[in-house]
PDB file of all heavy atoms in Angstrom:
ATOM      1  N   SER A   1      54.802  85.402 -69.621  1.00  0.00           N
ATOM      2  CA  SER A   1      55.084  86.705 -69.882  1.00  0.00           C
ATOM      3  C   SER A   1      54.468  87.393 -71.123  1.00  0.00           C
ATOM      4  O   SER A   1      55.085  88.009 -71.912  1.00  0.00           O
ATOM      5  CB  SER A   1      56.648  86.933 -70.007  1.00  0.00           C
ATOM      6  OG  SER A   1      57.265  86.577 -68.764  1.00  0.00           O
ATOM      7  N   THR A   2      53.171  87.101 -71.334  1.00  0.00           N
ATOM      8  CA  THR A   2      52.474  87.417 -72.588  1.00  0.00           C
ATOM      9  C   THR A   2      51.189  88.177 -72.157  1.00  0.00           C
ATOM     10  O   THR A   2      50.484  87.719 -71.211  1.00  0.00           O
ATOM     11  CB  THR A   2      52.183  86.356 -73.451  1.00  0.00           C
ATOM     12  OG1 THR A   2      53.414  85.655 -73.740  1.00  0.00           O
ATOM     13  CG2 THR A   2      51.483  86.657 -74.716  1.00  0.00           C
ATOM     14  N   THR A   3      50.910  89.301 -72.790  1.00  0.00           N
ATOM     15  CA  THR A   3      49.769  89.924 -72.531  1.00  0.00           C
ATOM     16  C   THR A   3      48.618  89.491 -73.558  1.00  0.00           C
ATOM     17  O   THR A   3      49.048  89.409 -74.844  1.00  0.00           O
ATOM     18  CB  THR A   3      49.903  91.423 -72.739  1.00  0.00           C
ATOM     19  OG1 THR A   3      50.817  91.986 -71.692  1.00  0.00           O
ATOM     20  CG2 THR A   3      48.609  92.142 -72.638  1.00  0.00           C
ATOM     21  N   TYR A   4      47.471  89.163 -73.019  1.00  0.00           N
ATOM     22  CA  TYR A   4      46.429  88.661 -73.995  1.00  0.00           C
ATOM     23  C   TYR A   4      45.269  89.648 -74.063  1.00  0.00           C
ATOM     24  O   TYR A   4      44.987  90.326 -73.052  1.00  0.00           O
ATOM     25  CB  TYR A   4      45.893  87.250 -73.552  1.00  0.00           C
ATOM     26  CG  TYR A   4      47.019  86.229 -73.791  1.00  0.00           C
ATOM     27  CD1 TYR A   4      47.920  85.955 -72.768  1.00  0.00           C
ATOM     28  CD2 TYR A   4      46.988  85.441 -74.904  1.00  0.00           C
ATOM     29  CE1 TYR A   4      48.769  84.838 -72.883  1.00  0.00           C
ATOM     30  CE2 TYR A   4      47.938  84.452 -75.097  1.00  0.00           C
ATOM     31  CZ  TYR A   4      48.932  84.145 -74.104  1.00  0.00           C
ATOM     32  OH  TYR A   4      49.880  83.232 -74.280  1.00  0.00           O
ATOM     33  N   THR A   5      44.595  89.661 -75.129  1.00  0.00           N
ATOM     34  CA  THR A   5      43.468  90.532 -75.251  1.00  0.00           C
ATOM     35  C   THR A   5      42.230  89.716 -75.652  1.00  0.00           C
ATOM     36  O   THR A   5      42.158  88.944 -76.616  1.00  0.00           O
ATOM     37  CB  THR A   5      43.620  91.575 -76.373  1.00  0.00           C
ATOM     38  OG1 THR A   5      44.676  92.431 -76.059  1.00  0.00           O
ATOM     39  CG2 THR A   5      42.401  92.503 -76.530  1.00  0.00           C
ATOM     40  N   ALA A   6      41.177  89.707 -74.764  1.00  0.00           N
ATOM     41  CA  ALA A   6      39.949  88.975 -75.033  1.00  0.00           C
ATOM     42  C   ALA A   6      38.945  89.984 -75.539  1.00  0.00           C
ATOM     43  O   ALA A   6      38.888  91.145 -75.068  1.00  0.00           O
ATOM     44  CB  ALA A   6      39.340  88.364 -73.717  1.00  0.00           C
ATOM     45  N   THR A   7      38.119  89.469 -76.535  1.00  0.00           N
ATOM     46  CA  THR A   7      37.200  90.344 -77.203  1.00  0.00           C
ATOM     47  C   THR A   7      35.769  89.654 -77.323  1.00  0.00           C
ATOM     48  O   THR A   7      35.862  88.621 -77.808  1.00  0.00           O
ATOM     49  CB  THR A   7      37.687  90.925 -78.540  1.00  0.00           C
ATOM     50  OG1 THR A   7      38.927  91.617 -78.414  1.00  0.00           O
ATOM     51  CG2 THR A   7      36.692  91.893 -79.169  1.00  0.00           C
ATOM     52  N   VAL A   8      34.771  90.361 -76.998  1.00  0.00           N
ATOM     53  CA  VAL A   8      33.494  89.929 -77.205  1.00  0.00           C
ATOM     54  C   VAL A   8      32.896  90.901 -78.182  1.00  0.00           C
ATOM     55  O   VAL A   8      32.799  92.096 -78.045  1.00  0.00           O
ATOM     56  CB  VAL A   8      32.524  89.911 -75.961  1.00  0.00           C
ATOM     57  CG1 VAL A   8      31.086  89.420 -76.405  1.00  0.00           C
ATOM     58  CG2 VAL A   8      33.084  89.034 -74.816  1.00  0.00           C
ATOM     59  N   LYS A   9      32.618  90.306 -79.431  1.00  0.00           N
ATOM     60  CA  LYS A   9      32.239  91.128 -80.510  1.00  0.00           C
ATOM     61  C   LYS A   9      30.773  91.718 -80.460  1.00  0.00           C
ATOM     62  O   LYS A   9      29.853  90.899 -80.119  1.00  0.00           O
ATOM     63  CB  LYS A   9      32.465  90.424 -81.826  1.00  0.00           C
ATOM     64  CG  LYS A   9      33.954  90.135 -82.204  1.00  0.00           C
ATOM     65  CD  LYS A   9      34.131  89.491 -83.551  1.00  0.00           C
ATOM     66  CE  LYS A   9      35.660  89.358 -83.793  1.00  0.00           C
ATOM     67  NZ  LYS A   9      35.819  88.687 -85.260  1.00  0.00           N
ATOM     68  N   GLY A  10      30.602  92.859 -80.819  1.00  0.00           N
ATOM     69  CA  GLY A  10      29.225  93.531 -80.931  1.00  0.00           C
ATOM     70  C   GLY A  10      28.831  93.796 -82.296  1.00  0.00           C
ATOM     71  O   GLY A  10      29.552  93.395 -83.331  1.00  0.00           O
ATOM     72  N   GLY A  11      27.825  94.398 -82.539  1.00  0.00           N
ATOM     73  CA  GLY A  11      27.273  94.736 -83.880  1.00  0.00           C
ATOM     74  C   GLY A  11      26.530  93.700 -84.533  1.00  0.00           C
ATOM     75  O   GLY A  11      26.150  92.657 -83.939  1.00  0.00           O
ATOM     76  N   ALA A  12      26.134  93.854 -85.762  1.00  0.00           N
ATOM     77  CA  ALA A  12      25.324  92.841 -86.501  1.00  0.00           C
ATOM     78  C   ALA A  12      25.808  91.490 -86.531  1.00  0.00           C
ATOM     79  O   ALA A  12      25.112  90.495 -86.623  1.00  0.00           O
ATOM     80  CB  ALA A  12      25.076  93.411 -87.961  1.00  0.00           C
ATOM     81  N   SER A  13      27.189  91.384 -86.500  1.00  0.00           N
ATOM     82  CA  SER A  13      27.872  89.981 -86.579  1.00  0.00           C
ATOM     83  C   SER A  13      28.318  89.478 -85.277  1.00  0.00           C
ATOM     84  O   SER A  13      29.100  88.553 -85.206  1.00  0.00           O
ATOM     85  CB  SER A  13      28.917  90.024 -87.722  1.00  0.00           C
ATOM     86  OG  SER A  13      30.011  90.968 -87.302  1.00  0.00           O
ATOM     87  N   GLY A  14      27.952  90.277 -84.269  1.00  0.00           N
ATOM     88  CA  GLY A  14      28.394  89.848 -82.914  1.00  0.00           C
ATOM     89  C   GLY A  14      27.388  89.122 -82.096  1.00  0.00           C
ATOM     90  O   GLY A  14      26.384  88.609 -82.612  1.00  0.00           O
ATOM     91  N   VAL A  15      27.556  89.060 -80.786  1.00  0.00           N
ATOM     92  CA  VAL A  15      26.759  88.373 -79.874  1.00  0.00           C
ATOM     93  C   VAL A  15      25.390  89.137 -79.824  1.00  0.00           C
ATOM     94  O   VAL A  15      25.314  90.321 -79.921  1.00  0.00           O
ATOM     95  CB  VAL A  15      27.258  88.131 -78.491  1.00  0.00           C
ATOM     96  CG1 VAL A  15      28.537  87.343 -78.652  1.00  0.00           C
ATOM     97  CG2 VAL A  15      27.673  89.430 -77.792  1.00  0.00           C
ATOM     98  N   LYS A  16      24.200  88.418 -79.563  1.00  0.00           N
ATOM     99  CA  LYS A  16      22.897  89.000 -79.446  1.00  0.00           C
ATOM    100  C   LYS A  16      22.225  88.421 -78.292  1.00  0.00           C
ATOM    101  O   LYS A  16      22.399  87.257 -77.909  1.00  0.00           O
ATOM    102  CB  LYS A  16      22.143  88.767 -80.671  1.00  0.00           C
ATOM    103  CG  LYS A  16      22.767  89.407 -81.962  1.00  0.00           C
ATOM    104  CD  LYS A  16      21.962  89.207 -83.128  1.00  0.00           C
ATOM    105  CE  LYS A  16      22.610  89.902 -84.292  1.00  0.00           C
ATOM    106  NZ  LYS A  16      23.864  89.460 -84.676  1.00  0.00           N
ATOM    107  N   ASP A  17      21.301  89.099 -77.663  1.00  0.00           N
ATOM    108  CA  ASP A  17      20.506  88.628 -76.617  1.00  0.00           C
ATOM    109  C   ASP A  17      19.312  87.709 -77.187  1.00  0.00           C
ATOM    110  O   ASP A  17      19.151  87.616 -78.308  1.00  0.00           O
ATOM    111  CB  ASP A  17      19.917  89.740 -75.590  1.00  0.00           C
ATOM    112  CG  ASP A  17      19.005  90.626 -76.429  1.00  0.00           C
ATOM    113  OD1 ASP A  17      18.402  90.324 -77.481  1.00  0.00           O
ATOM    114  OD2 ASP A  17      18.830  91.761 -75.826  1.00  0.00           O
ATOM    115  N   ALA A  18      18.568  87.254 -76.225  1.00  0.00           N
ATOM    116  CA  ALA A  18      17.484  86.342 -76.629  1.00  0.00           C
ATOM    117  C   ALA A  18      16.418  86.976 -77.648  1.00  0.00           C
ATOM    118  O   ALA A  18      15.762  86.362 -78.282  1.00  0.00           O
ATOM    119  CB  ALA A  18      16.798  85.710 -75.468  1.00  0.00           C
ATOM    120  N   ALA A  19      16.281  88.352 -77.515  1.00  0.00           N
ATOM    121  CA  ALA A  19      15.373  89.006 -78.361  1.00  0.00           C
ATOM    122  C   ALA A  19      15.968  89.505 -79.739  1.00  0.00           C
ATOM    123  O   ALA A  19      15.270  90.131 -80.459  1.00  0.00           O
ATOM    124  CB  ALA A  19      14.863  90.305 -77.518  1.00  0.00           C
ATOM    125  N   GLY A  20      17.236  89.179 -79.868  1.00  0.00           N
ATOM    126  CA  GLY A  20      17.808  89.612 -81.057  1.00  0.00           C
ATOM    127  C   GLY A  20      18.554  91.039 -81.047  1.00  0.00           C
ATOM    128  O   GLY A  20      19.146  91.370 -82.121  1.00  0.00           O
ATOM    129  N   ASN A  21      18.638  91.625 -79.840  1.00  0.00           N
ATOM    130  CA  ASN A  21      19.387  92.850 -79.692  1.00  0.00           C
ATOM    131  C   ASN A  21      20.905  92.551 -79.688  1.00  0.00           C
ATOM    132  O   ASN A  21      21.198  91.703 -78.851  1.00  0.00           O
ATOM    133  CB  ASN A  21      18.968  93.627 -78.567  1.00  0.00           C
ATOM    134  CG  ASN A  21      17.472  93.939 -78.522  1.00  0.00           C
ATOM    135  OD1 ASN A  21      16.989  94.551 -79.467  1.00  0.00           O
ATOM    136  ND2 ASN A  21      16.784  93.481 -77.515  1.00  0.00           N
ATOM    137  N   ALA A  22      21.673  93.283 -80.471  1.00  0.00           N
ATOM    138  CA  ALA A  22      23.069  93.060 -80.352  1.00  0.00           C
ATOM    139  C   ALA A  22      23.851  93.804 -79.370  1.00  0.00           C
ATOM    140  O   ALA A  22      23.413  94.979 -78.999  1.00  0.00           O
ATOM    141  CB  ALA A  22      23.677  93.418 -81.793  1.00  0.00           C
ATOM    142  N   LEU A  23      25.013  93.287 -78.943  1.00  0.00           N
ATOM    143  CA  LEU A  23      25.937  94.098 -78.087  1.00  0.00           C
ATOM    144  C   LEU A  23      26.344  95.272 -79.056  1.00  0.00           C
ATOM    145  O   LEU A  23      26.649  95.075 -80.171  1.00  0.00           O
ATOM    146  CB  LEU A  23      27.049  93.282 -77.808  1.00  0.00           C
ATOM    147  CG  LEU A  23      28.228  93.898 -76.787  1.00  0.00           C
ATOM    148  CD1 LEU A  23      27.582  93.811 -75.435  1.00  0.00           C
ATOM    149  CD2 LEU A  23      29.517  92.983 -76.792  1.00  0.00           C
ATOM    150  N   VAL A  24      26.215  96.435 -78.393  1.00  0.00           N
ATOM    151  CA  VAL A  24      26.487  97.706 -79.220  1.00  0.00           C
ATOM    152  C   VAL A  24      27.858  97.829 -79.795  1.00  0.00           C
ATOM    153  O   VAL A  24      28.006  97.921 -81.042  1.00  0.00           O
ATOM    154  CB  VAL A  24      26.058  98.931 -78.468  1.00  0.00           C
ATOM    155  CG1 VAL A  24      26.288 100.187 -79.312  1.00  0.00           C
ATOM    156  CG2 VAL A  24      24.693  98.959 -78.030  1.00  0.00           C
ATOM    157  N   ASN A  25      28.816  97.631 -79.012  1.00  0.00           N
ATOM    158  CA  ASN A  25      30.158  97.702 -79.517  1.00  0.00           C
ATOM    159  C   ASN A  25      31.048  96.540 -79.037  1.00  0.00           C
ATOM    160  O   ASN A  25      30.591  95.848 -78.163  1.00  0.00           O
ATOM    161  CB  ASN A  25      30.927  99.020 -78.984  1.00  0.00           C
ATOM    162  CG  ASN A  25      30.223 100.279 -79.500  1.00  0.00           C
ATOM    163  OD1 ASN A  25      30.013 100.524 -80.637  1.00  0.00           O
ATOM    164  ND2 ASN A  25      29.779 101.126 -78.480  1.00  0.00           N
TER     165      ASN A  25
END
């Protein structure tokens, strides 16, 4: 009975693609 929130972080300190582009938000 618990609500969970999953987050993938964006921005300079977040995940980036192989070319170095970051997830925007």
